[in-house]
Amino acid sequence: MSDPEQNETETETETETETANNLLSTAMELKNSNPKVFFGGIAAVVILILIIIMSLGNTKKLPTAFKNLSVGQQYSLKGANSAVNEKSTISMVSVPDTISAFDDTKEKGVDGSCKQQPEGTLVKVLALQDFAGKKDAFAQVEVLTEGNCFERKGWILAIDMQ
């Protein structure tokens, strides 16, 4: 480098160093004179950085769980909240509401042997019912899989069918 260019670079470096030292000394004076403002400023910067980091996350939307079911069609039961490698059971209740989803097998005359259906059970949709503002939230089904519950009818959540 030639001398004028080298002197210009050294002057820029000195200016940057001087600016950094001035900022640091100003921050230290603020810390000593008004610590609430100093630490509040640090907290504001940290919160701003956290907001930026969190907003850069995955923007994929979760797929909607509700499907367009048709009366008379056959479906397989699949728990909407079950893990990939984990089998779960799906509750089949006598009345399409949340109260009947509780276990009432201890009541006299109630047969609870078919209340829990394993995933993969084939069912036929007999009727659909809206619930809590959700269209077709419950489906009345008839079990088509051979076994103790063959041709049994009950209501399940529509999100538990595929």
N, C-alpha and C. Protein backbone atom coordinates (compact mmCIF):
# COMPACT_ATOMS: atom_id res chain seq x y z
N MET A 1 0.83 -1.18 0.00
CA MET A 1 0.00 0.00 0.00
C MET A 1 0.88 1.25 0.00
N SER A 2 0.36 2.26 -0.59
CA SER A 2 1.10 3.53 -0.57
C SER A 2 0.85 4.22 0.76
N ASP A 3 1.69 5.16 1.06
CA ASP A 3 1.59 5.86 2.34
C ASP A 3 0.26 6.58 2.55
N PRO A 4 -0.30 7.29 1.54
CA PRO A 4 -1.59 7.96 1.78
C PRO A 4 -2.70 6.95 2.06
N GLU A 5 -2.70 5.82 1.35
CA GLU A 5 -3.75 4.81 1.59
C GLU A 5 -3.59 4.19 2.96
N GLN A 6 -2.34 3.93 3.37
CA GLN A 6 -2.09 3.32 4.68
C GLN A 6 -2.50 4.29 5.79
N ASN A 7 -2.17 5.56 5.63
CA ASN A 7 -2.56 6.57 6.62
C ASN A 7 -4.07 6.68 6.72
N GLU A 8 -4.77 6.59 5.57
CA GLU A 8 -6.22 6.66 5.56
C GLU A 8 -6.83 5.47 6.29
N THR A 9 -6.28 4.26 6.08
CA THR A 9 -6.77 3.05 6.74
C THR A 9 -6.52 3.14 8.24
N GLU A 10 -5.35 3.61 8.64
CA GLU A 10 -5.04 3.75 10.06
C GLU A 10 -5.96 4.77 10.71
N THR A 11 -6.27 5.86 10.01
CA THR A 11 -7.17 6.88 10.54
C THR A 11 -8.57 6.31 10.73
N GLU A 12 -9.05 5.51 9.77
CA GLU A 12 -10.38 4.87 9.90
C GLU A 12 -10.39 3.91 11.08
N THR A 13 -9.33 3.14 11.26
CA THR A 13 -9.25 2.19 12.37
C THR A 13 -9.23 2.93 13.69
N GLU A 14 -8.46 4.02 13.76
CA GLU A 14 -8.42 4.82 14.99
C GLU A 14 -9.79 5.43 15.29
N THR A 15 -10.50 5.88 14.26
CA THR A 15 -11.83 6.48 14.43
C THR A 15 -12.81 5.43 14.95
N GLU A 16 -12.74 4.22 14.38
CA GLU A 16 -13.64 3.14 14.83
C GLU A 16 -13.33 2.75 16.27
N THR A 17 -12.07 2.66 16.61
CA THR A 17 -11.67 2.33 17.98
C THR A 17 -12.12 3.42 18.94
N GLU A 18 -11.93 4.66 18.54
CA GLU A 18 -12.34 5.79 19.38
C GLU A 18 -13.86 5.79 19.59
N THR A 19 -14.62 5.49 18.54
CA THR A 19 -16.08 5.42 18.64
C THR A 19 -16.51 4.31 19.59
N ALA A 20 -15.88 3.15 19.46
CA ALA A 20 -16.20 2.03 20.34
C ALA A 20 -15.88 2.37 21.78
N ASN A 21 -14.75 3.02 22.01
CA ASN A 21 -14.38 3.42 23.38
C ASN A 21 -15.36 4.44 23.93
N ASN A 22 -15.80 5.36 23.09
CA ASN A 22 -16.78 6.37 23.53
C ASN A 22 -18.10 5.71 23.92
N LEU A 23 -18.56 4.74 23.10
CA LEU A 23 -19.81 4.03 23.41
C LEU A 23 -19.68 3.27 24.72
N LEU A 24 -18.54 2.60 24.89
CA LEU A 24 -18.32 1.82 26.11
C LEU A 24 -18.27 2.73 27.34
N SER A 25 -17.59 3.84 27.22
CA SER A 25 -17.52 4.75 28.38
C SER A 25 -18.89 5.37 28.68
N THR A 26 -19.66 5.68 27.63
CA THR A 26 -21.01 6.21 27.84
C THR A 26 -21.89 5.18 28.54
N ALA A 27 -21.78 3.91 28.12
CA ALA A 27 -22.57 2.85 28.74
C ALA A 27 -22.18 2.66 30.20
N MET A 28 -20.89 2.73 30.50
CA MET A 28 -20.45 2.57 31.89
C MET A 28 -20.90 3.75 32.75
N GLU A 29 -20.88 4.96 32.19
CA GLU A 29 -21.38 6.12 32.93
C GLU A 29 -22.87 5.98 33.22
N LEU A 30 -23.62 5.49 32.22
CA LEU A 30 -25.05 5.28 32.40
C LEU A 30 -25.30 4.21 33.46
N LYS A 31 -24.49 3.15 33.46
CA LYS A 31 -24.64 2.09 34.45
C LYS A 31 -24.44 2.64 35.86
N ASN A 32 -23.47 3.51 36.02
CA ASN A 32 -23.19 4.08 37.34
C ASN A 32 -24.20 5.14 37.75
N SER A 33 -24.62 5.97 36.78
CA SER A 33 -25.51 7.07 37.12
C SER A 33 -26.99 6.65 37.20
N ASN A 34 -27.42 5.74 36.32
CA ASN A 34 -28.83 5.34 36.29
C ASN A 34 -28.92 3.85 35.91
N PRO A 35 -28.69 2.96 36.86
CA PRO A 35 -28.65 1.52 36.56
C PRO A 35 -29.99 0.97 36.05
N LYS A 36 -31.11 1.57 36.47
CA LYS A 36 -32.41 1.07 35.99
C LYS A 36 -32.54 1.23 34.49
N VAL A 37 -32.14 2.37 33.98
CA VAL A 37 -32.22 2.62 32.53
C VAL A 37 -31.23 1.71 31.79
N PHE A 38 -30.03 1.55 32.36
CA PHE A 38 -29.01 0.71 31.73
C PHE A 38 -29.50 -0.73 31.58
N PHE A 39 -29.93 -1.34 32.68
CA PHE A 39 -30.36 -2.72 32.62
C PHE A 39 -31.69 -2.88 31.90
N GLY A 40 -32.53 -1.86 31.95
CA GLY A 40 -33.77 -1.89 31.17
C GLY A 40 -33.48 -1.90 29.68
N GLY A 41 -32.48 -1.14 29.27
CA GLY A 41 -32.07 -1.13 27.86
C GLY A 41 -31.53 -2.48 27.42
N ILE A 42 -30.74 -3.10 28.28
CA ILE A 42 -30.23 -4.44 27.96
C ILE A 42 -31.39 -5.42 27.84
N ALA A 43 -32.33 -5.36 28.77
CA ALA A 43 -33.49 -6.26 28.73
C ALA A 43 -34.30 -6.04 27.45
N ALA A 44 -34.47 -4.79 27.04
CA ALA A 44 -35.23 -4.49 25.82
C ALA A 44 -34.55 -5.08 24.59
N VAL A 45 -33.23 -4.96 24.54
CA VAL A 45 -32.49 -5.52 23.41
C VAL A 45 -32.61 -7.04 23.38
N VAL A 46 -32.49 -7.68 24.54
CA VAL A 46 -32.62 -9.15 24.62
C VAL A 46 -34.01 -9.59 24.19
N ILE A 47 -35.04 -8.89 24.65
CA ILE A 47 -36.42 -9.24 24.27
C ILE A 47 -36.62 -9.06 22.77
N LEU A 48 -36.09 -8.00 22.22
CA LEU A 48 -36.19 -7.77 20.78
C LEU A 48 -35.52 -8.89 19.99
N ILE A 49 -34.35 -9.30 20.43
CA ILE A 49 -33.64 -10.40 19.75
C ILE A 49 -34.44 -11.69 19.86
N LEU A 50 -35.02 -11.98 21.02
CA LEU A 50 -35.84 -13.18 21.20
C LEU A 50 -37.06 -13.16 20.29
N ILE A 51 -37.70 -12.01 20.17
CA ILE A 51 -38.87 -11.90 19.29
C ILE A 51 -38.48 -12.17 17.85
N ILE A 52 -37.37 -11.63 17.43
CA ILE A 52 -36.91 -11.85 16.05
C ILE A 52 -36.59 -13.32 15.83
N ILE A 53 -35.91 -13.95 16.77
CA ILE A 53 -35.56 -15.36 16.62
C ILE A 53 -36.81 -16.23 16.58
N MET A 54 -37.78 -15.94 17.45
CA MET A 54 -39.00 -16.75 17.49
C MET A 54 -39.85 -16.56 16.24
N SER A 55 -39.81 -15.38 15.65
CA SER A 55 -40.62 -15.15 14.46
C SER A 55 -40.01 -15.77 13.22
N LEU A 56 -38.76 -16.15 13.29
CA LEU A 56 -38.10 -16.78 12.15
C LEU A 56 -38.31 -18.29 12.14
N GLY A 57 -39.08 -18.83 13.06
CA GLY A 57 -39.29 -20.27 13.17
C GLY A 57 -40.04 -20.85 11.99
N ASN A 58 -40.39 -22.10 12.13
CA ASN A 58 -41.10 -22.84 11.10
C ASN A 58 -42.47 -22.23 10.87
N THR A 59 -42.77 -21.87 9.63
CA THR A 59 -44.06 -21.24 9.33
C THR A 59 -45.06 -22.23 8.76
N LYS A 60 -44.74 -23.51 8.75
CA LYS A 60 -45.68 -24.50 8.23
C LYS A 60 -46.88 -24.58 9.16
N LYS A 61 -48.05 -24.62 8.58
CA LYS A 61 -49.26 -24.76 9.37
C LYS A 61 -49.55 -26.24 9.55
N LEU A 62 -50.12 -26.56 10.71
CA LEU A 62 -50.52 -27.94 10.94
C LEU A 62 -51.70 -28.27 10.05
N PRO A 63 -51.72 -29.48 9.51
CA PRO A 63 -52.85 -29.84 8.67
C PRO A 63 -54.13 -29.90 9.48
N THR A 64 -55.21 -29.53 8.86
CA THR A 64 -56.49 -29.58 9.56
C THR A 64 -56.88 -31.03 9.79
N ALA A 65 -57.40 -31.31 10.97
CA ALA A 65 -57.70 -32.68 11.33
C ALA A 65 -59.06 -33.14 10.79
N PHE A 66 -59.95 -32.21 10.50
CA PHE A 66 -61.27 -32.60 10.06
C PHE A 66 -61.27 -32.98 8.59
N LYS A 67 -61.97 -34.05 8.29
CA LYS A 67 -62.06 -34.55 6.93
C LYS A 67 -63.50 -34.45 6.46
N ASN A 68 -63.70 -34.47 5.18
CA ASN A 68 -65.04 -34.50 4.64
C ASN A 68 -65.51 -35.94 4.62
N LEU A 69 -66.31 -36.31 5.60
CA LEU A 69 -66.82 -37.68 5.70
C LEU A 69 -68.14 -37.77 4.97
N SER A 70 -68.43 -38.97 4.48
CA SER A 70 -69.69 -39.20 3.78
C SER A 70 -70.44 -40.34 4.44
N VAL A 71 -71.74 -40.13 4.62
CA VAL A 71 -72.59 -41.18 5.19
C VAL A 71 -72.62 -42.34 4.22
N GLY A 72 -72.46 -43.56 4.76
CA GLY A 72 -72.48 -44.77 3.94
C GLY A 72 -71.09 -45.25 3.53
N GLN A 73 -70.08 -44.41 3.71
CA GLN A 73 -68.72 -44.80 3.33
C GLN A 73 -68.02 -45.53 4.48
N GLN A 74 -67.02 -46.34 4.12
CA GLN A 74 -66.23 -47.08 5.10
C GLN A 74 -64.93 -46.33 5.37
N TYR A 75 -64.54 -46.34 6.63
CA TYR A 75 -63.30 -45.69 7.05
C TYR A 75 -62.58 -46.59 8.05
N SER A 76 -61.32 -46.28 8.27
CA SER A 76 -60.51 -46.97 9.25
C SER A 76 -60.28 -46.02 10.42
N LEU A 77 -60.30 -46.54 11.65
CA LEU A 77 -60.07 -45.68 12.81
C LEU A 77 -58.57 -45.42 12.98
N LYS A 78 -58.24 -44.18 13.25
CA LYS A 78 -56.85 -43.77 13.49
C LYS A 78 -56.89 -42.62 14.47
N GLY A 79 -56.26 -42.78 15.63
CA GLY A 79 -56.25 -41.73 16.64
C GLY A 79 -55.56 -40.47 16.12
N ALA A 80 -56.25 -39.35 16.22
CA ALA A 80 -55.70 -38.08 15.73
C ALA A 80 -54.47 -37.65 16.50
N ASN A 81 -54.37 -38.02 17.75
CA ASN A 81 -53.25 -37.59 18.59
C ASN A 81 -52.28 -38.72 18.91
N SER A 82 -52.38 -39.84 18.21
CA SER A 82 -51.47 -40.94 18.52
C SER A 82 -50.13 -40.73 17.84
N ALA A 83 -49.09 -41.25 18.46
CA ALA A 83 -47.73 -41.14 17.91
C ALA A 83 -47.61 -42.07 16.71
N VAL A 84 -46.57 -41.87 15.91
CA VAL A 84 -46.39 -42.62 14.67
C VAL A 84 -46.26 -44.13 14.94
N ASN A 85 -45.46 -44.52 15.90
CA ASN A 85 -45.22 -45.93 16.16
C ASN A 85 -46.03 -46.46 17.33
N GLU A 86 -47.00 -45.72 17.77
CA GLU A 86 -47.75 -46.11 18.95
C GLU A 86 -49.22 -46.30 18.60
N LYS A 87 -49.76 -47.44 18.92
CA LYS A 87 -51.18 -47.72 18.68
C LYS A 87 -51.98 -47.16 19.85
N SER A 88 -53.13 -46.60 19.53
CA SER A 88 -54.00 -46.10 20.59
C SER A 88 -55.40 -46.66 20.35
N THR A 89 -56.28 -46.37 21.28
CA THR A 89 -57.67 -46.80 21.11
C THR A 89 -58.53 -45.56 20.94
N ILE A 90 -59.64 -45.76 20.27
CA ILE A 90 -60.57 -44.68 20.00
C ILE A 90 -61.84 -44.94 20.78
N SER A 91 -62.32 -43.92 21.50
CA SER A 91 -63.53 -44.08 22.31
C SER A 91 -64.76 -44.07 21.42
N MET A 92 -65.64 -45.02 21.66
CA MET A 92 -66.92 -45.08 20.98
C MET A 92 -67.98 -44.93 22.08
N VAL A 93 -68.80 -43.88 21.98
CA VAL A 93 -69.76 -43.57 23.03
C VAL A 93 -71.19 -43.70 22.50
N SER A 94 -72.14 -43.74 23.42
CA SER A 94 -73.53 -43.95 23.02
C SER A 94 -74.23 -42.67 22.60
N VAL A 95 -73.74 -41.51 23.05
CA VAL A 95 -74.36 -40.23 22.73
C VAL A 95 -73.25 -39.28 22.26
N PRO A 96 -73.46 -38.51 21.19
CA PRO A 96 -72.40 -37.64 20.68
C PRO A 96 -72.21 -36.35 21.46
N ASP A 97 -71.60 -36.44 22.63
CA ASP A 97 -71.24 -35.24 23.39
C ASP A 97 -70.06 -35.56 24.27
N THR A 98 -69.51 -34.57 24.90
CA THR A 98 -68.31 -34.79 25.71
C THR A 98 -68.61 -35.48 27.03
N ILE A 99 -69.82 -35.31 27.56
CA ILE A 99 -70.15 -35.91 28.86
C ILE A 99 -70.14 -37.43 28.76
N SER A 100 -70.68 -37.97 27.68
CA SER A 100 -70.74 -39.43 27.56
C SER A 100 -69.39 -40.04 27.24
N ALA A 101 -68.39 -39.23 26.96
CA ALA A 101 -67.06 -39.76 26.68
C ALA A 101 -66.39 -40.28 27.96
N PHE A 102 -66.91 -39.87 29.12
CA PHE A 102 -66.36 -40.39 30.36
C PHE A 102 -66.78 -41.85 30.54
N ASP A 103 -65.99 -42.58 31.28
CA ASP A 103 -66.23 -44.00 31.46
C ASP A 103 -67.47 -44.23 32.33
N ASP A 104 -68.52 -44.79 31.72
CA ASP A 104 -69.74 -45.08 32.46
C ASP A 104 -69.97 -46.60 32.57
N THR A 105 -68.89 -47.37 32.43
CA THR A 105 -69.03 -48.83 32.45
C THR A 105 -69.39 -49.36 33.83
N LYS A 106 -69.25 -48.56 34.88
CA LYS A 106 -69.58 -49.02 36.22
C LYS A 106 -71.07 -48.88 36.52
N GLU A 107 -71.79 -48.18 35.64
CA GLU A 107 -73.23 -48.05 35.85
C GLU A 107 -73.91 -49.38 35.55
N LYS A 108 -75.00 -49.62 36.24
CA LYS A 108 -75.73 -50.88 36.12
C LYS A 108 -76.31 -51.01 34.71
N GLY A 109 -76.06 -52.15 34.07
CA GLY A 109 -76.63 -52.44 32.76
C GLY A 109 -75.83 -51.89 31.59
N VAL A 110 -74.71 -51.27 31.84
CA VAL A 110 -73.91 -50.72 30.74
C VAL A 110 -72.84 -51.72 30.35
N ASP A 111 -72.79 -52.04 29.05
CA ASP A 111 -71.78 -52.96 28.54
C ASP A 111 -70.63 -52.13 27.98
N GLY A 112 -69.49 -52.16 28.64
CA GLY A 112 -68.35 -51.34 28.24
C GLY A 112 -67.34 -52.07 27.39
N SER A 113 -67.65 -53.28 26.94
CA SER A 113 -66.66 -54.07 26.20
C SER A 113 -66.29 -53.47 24.85
N CYS A 114 -67.14 -52.63 24.29
CA CYS A 114 -66.85 -52.06 22.97
C CYS A 114 -66.60 -50.55 23.02
N LYS A 115 -66.38 -50.01 24.20
CA LYS A 115 -66.17 -48.56 24.33
C LYS A 115 -64.85 -48.11 23.73
N GLN A 116 -63.84 -48.95 23.75
CA GLN A 116 -62.53 -48.61 23.21
C GLN A 116 -62.24 -49.49 21.99
N GLN A 117 -62.14 -48.85 20.84
CA GLN A 117 -61.87 -49.57 19.60
C GLN A 117 -60.41 -49.36 19.21
N PRO A 118 -59.71 -50.43 18.82
CA PRO A 118 -58.31 -50.26 18.43
C PRO A 118 -58.18 -49.56 17.08
N GLU A 119 -57.03 -48.92 16.87
CA GLU A 119 -56.77 -48.30 15.57
C GLU A 119 -56.82 -49.39 14.50
N GLY A 120 -57.28 -49.00 13.33
CA GLY A 120 -57.37 -49.94 12.22
C GLY A 120 -58.73 -50.61 12.11
N THR A 121 -59.60 -50.42 13.10
CA THR A 121 -60.93 -51.00 13.05
C THR A 121 -61.70 -50.36 11.89
N LEU A 122 -62.33 -51.20 11.06
CA LEU A 122 -63.12 -50.70 9.95
C LEU A 122 -64.51 -50.34 10.44
N VAL A 123 -64.99 -49.16 10.01
CA VAL A 123 -66.31 -48.70 10.41
C VAL A 123 -67.03 -48.14 9.20
N LYS A 124 -68.36 -48.10 9.29
CA LYS A 124 -69.20 -47.50 8.26
C LYS A 124 -69.92 -46.33 8.90
N VAL A 125 -69.90 -45.18 8.25
CA VAL A 125 -70.55 -43.98 8.80
C VAL A 125 -72.05 -44.07 8.53
N LEU A 126 -72.84 -43.94 9.62
CA LEU A 126 -74.29 -43.97 9.53
C LEU A 126 -74.90 -42.57 9.58
N ALA A 127 -74.27 -41.67 10.33
CA ALA A 127 -74.78 -40.30 10.47
C ALA A 127 -73.66 -39.40 10.94
N LEU A 128 -73.83 -38.10 10.73
CA LEU A 128 -72.87 -37.10 11.18
C LEU A 128 -73.59 -36.07 12.04
N GLN A 129 -72.89 -35.51 13.01
CA GLN A 129 -73.50 -34.52 13.90
C GLN A 129 -72.52 -33.40 14.19
N ASP A 130 -73.04 -32.16 14.14
CA ASP A 130 -72.25 -30.99 14.50
C ASP A 130 -72.15 -30.92 16.03
N PHE A 131 -71.08 -30.30 16.51
CA PHE A 131 -70.93 -30.13 17.95
C PHE A 131 -70.05 -28.92 18.22
N ALA A 132 -70.49 -28.07 19.12
CA ALA A 132 -69.73 -26.89 19.58
C ALA A 132 -69.23 -26.05 18.41
N GLY A 133 -70.07 -25.85 17.43
CA GLY A 133 -69.72 -25.01 16.30
C GLY A 133 -68.89 -25.69 15.22
N LYS A 134 -68.56 -26.94 15.41
CA LYS A 134 -67.77 -27.68 14.42
C LYS A 134 -68.71 -28.55 13.59
N LYS A 135 -68.64 -28.40 12.27
CA LYS A 135 -69.49 -29.18 11.39
C LYS A 135 -69.00 -30.62 11.36
N ASP A 136 -69.91 -31.54 11.48
CA ASP A 136 -69.62 -32.99 11.43
C ASP A 136 -68.51 -33.39 12.41
N ALA A 137 -68.61 -32.93 13.65
CA ALA A 137 -67.59 -33.25 14.65
C ALA A 137 -67.68 -34.69 15.12
N PHE A 138 -68.90 -35.25 15.16
CA PHE A 138 -69.09 -36.64 15.57
C PHE A 138 -69.66 -37.44 14.42
N ALA A 139 -69.33 -38.72 14.39
CA ALA A 139 -69.88 -39.62 13.38
C ALA A 139 -70.45 -40.85 14.08
N GLN A 140 -71.68 -41.19 13.71
CA GLN A 140 -72.26 -42.44 14.21
C GLN A 140 -71.76 -43.52 13.28
N VAL A 141 -71.19 -44.56 13.85
CA VAL A 141 -70.57 -45.61 13.04
C VAL A 141 -71.09 -46.99 13.44
N GLU A 142 -70.89 -47.92 12.51
CA GLU A 142 -71.15 -49.33 12.75
C GLU A 142 -69.84 -50.05 12.52
N VAL A 143 -69.44 -50.88 13.48
CA VAL A 143 -68.17 -51.61 13.38
C VAL A 143 -68.30 -52.72 12.35
N LEU A 144 -67.35 -52.76 11.41
CA LEU A 144 -67.35 -53.77 10.35
C LEU A 144 -66.28 -54.84 10.55
N THR A 145 -65.37 -54.62 11.48
CA THR A 145 -64.32 -55.60 11.75
C THR A 145 -64.90 -56.75 12.56
N GLU A 146 -64.60 -57.99 12.13
CA GLU A 146 -65.09 -59.18 12.83
C GLU A 146 -64.59 -59.20 14.26
N GLY A 147 -65.41 -59.68 15.18
CA GLY A 147 -65.03 -59.77 16.58
C GLY A 147 -66.24 -59.53 17.46
N ASN A 148 -65.99 -59.30 18.75
CA ASN A 148 -67.06 -59.09 19.73
C ASN A 148 -67.92 -57.88 19.42
N CYS A 149 -67.38 -56.89 18.77
CA CYS A 149 -68.11 -55.64 18.53
C CYS A 149 -68.64 -55.54 17.10
N PHE A 150 -68.61 -56.61 16.34
CA PHE A 150 -69.08 -56.60 14.96
C PHE A 150 -70.54 -56.13 14.92
N GLU A 151 -70.83 -55.16 14.05
CA GLU A 151 -72.14 -54.55 13.84
C GLU A 151 -72.64 -53.72 15.03
N ARG A 152 -71.78 -53.44 16.01
CA ARG A 152 -72.13 -52.56 17.11
C ARG A 152 -72.13 -51.13 16.59
N LYS A 153 -73.01 -50.30 17.14
CA LYS A 153 -73.11 -48.91 16.72
C LYS A 153 -72.73 -47.99 17.87
N GLY A 154 -72.16 -46.85 17.53
CA GLY A 154 -71.79 -45.86 18.52
C GLY A 154 -71.30 -44.59 17.83
N TRP A 155 -70.94 -43.61 18.64
CA TRP A 155 -70.47 -42.32 18.12
C TRP A 155 -68.99 -42.16 18.43
N ILE A 156 -68.24 -41.67 17.46
CA ILE A 156 -66.82 -41.37 17.66
C ILE A 156 -66.55 -39.97 17.12
N LEU A 157 -65.42 -39.41 17.52
CA LEU A 157 -64.99 -38.14 16.97
C LEU A 157 -64.59 -38.33 15.50
N ALA A 158 -65.04 -37.44 14.66
CA ALA A 158 -64.76 -37.56 13.23
C ALA A 158 -63.27 -37.45 12.92
N ILE A 159 -62.50 -36.78 13.76
CA ILE A 159 -61.06 -36.65 13.51
C ILE A 159 -60.31 -37.96 13.71
N ASP A 160 -60.98 -38.95 14.29
CA ASP A 160 -60.35 -40.24 14.52
C ASP A 160 -60.59 -41.23 13.39
N MET A 161 -60.97 -40.74 12.23
CA MET A 161 -61.22 -41.64 11.09
C MET A 161 -60.39 -41.19 9.90
N GLN A 162 -59.95 -42.18 9.14
CA GLN A 162 -59.23 -41.85 7.91
C GLN A 162 -59.70 -42.74 6.78
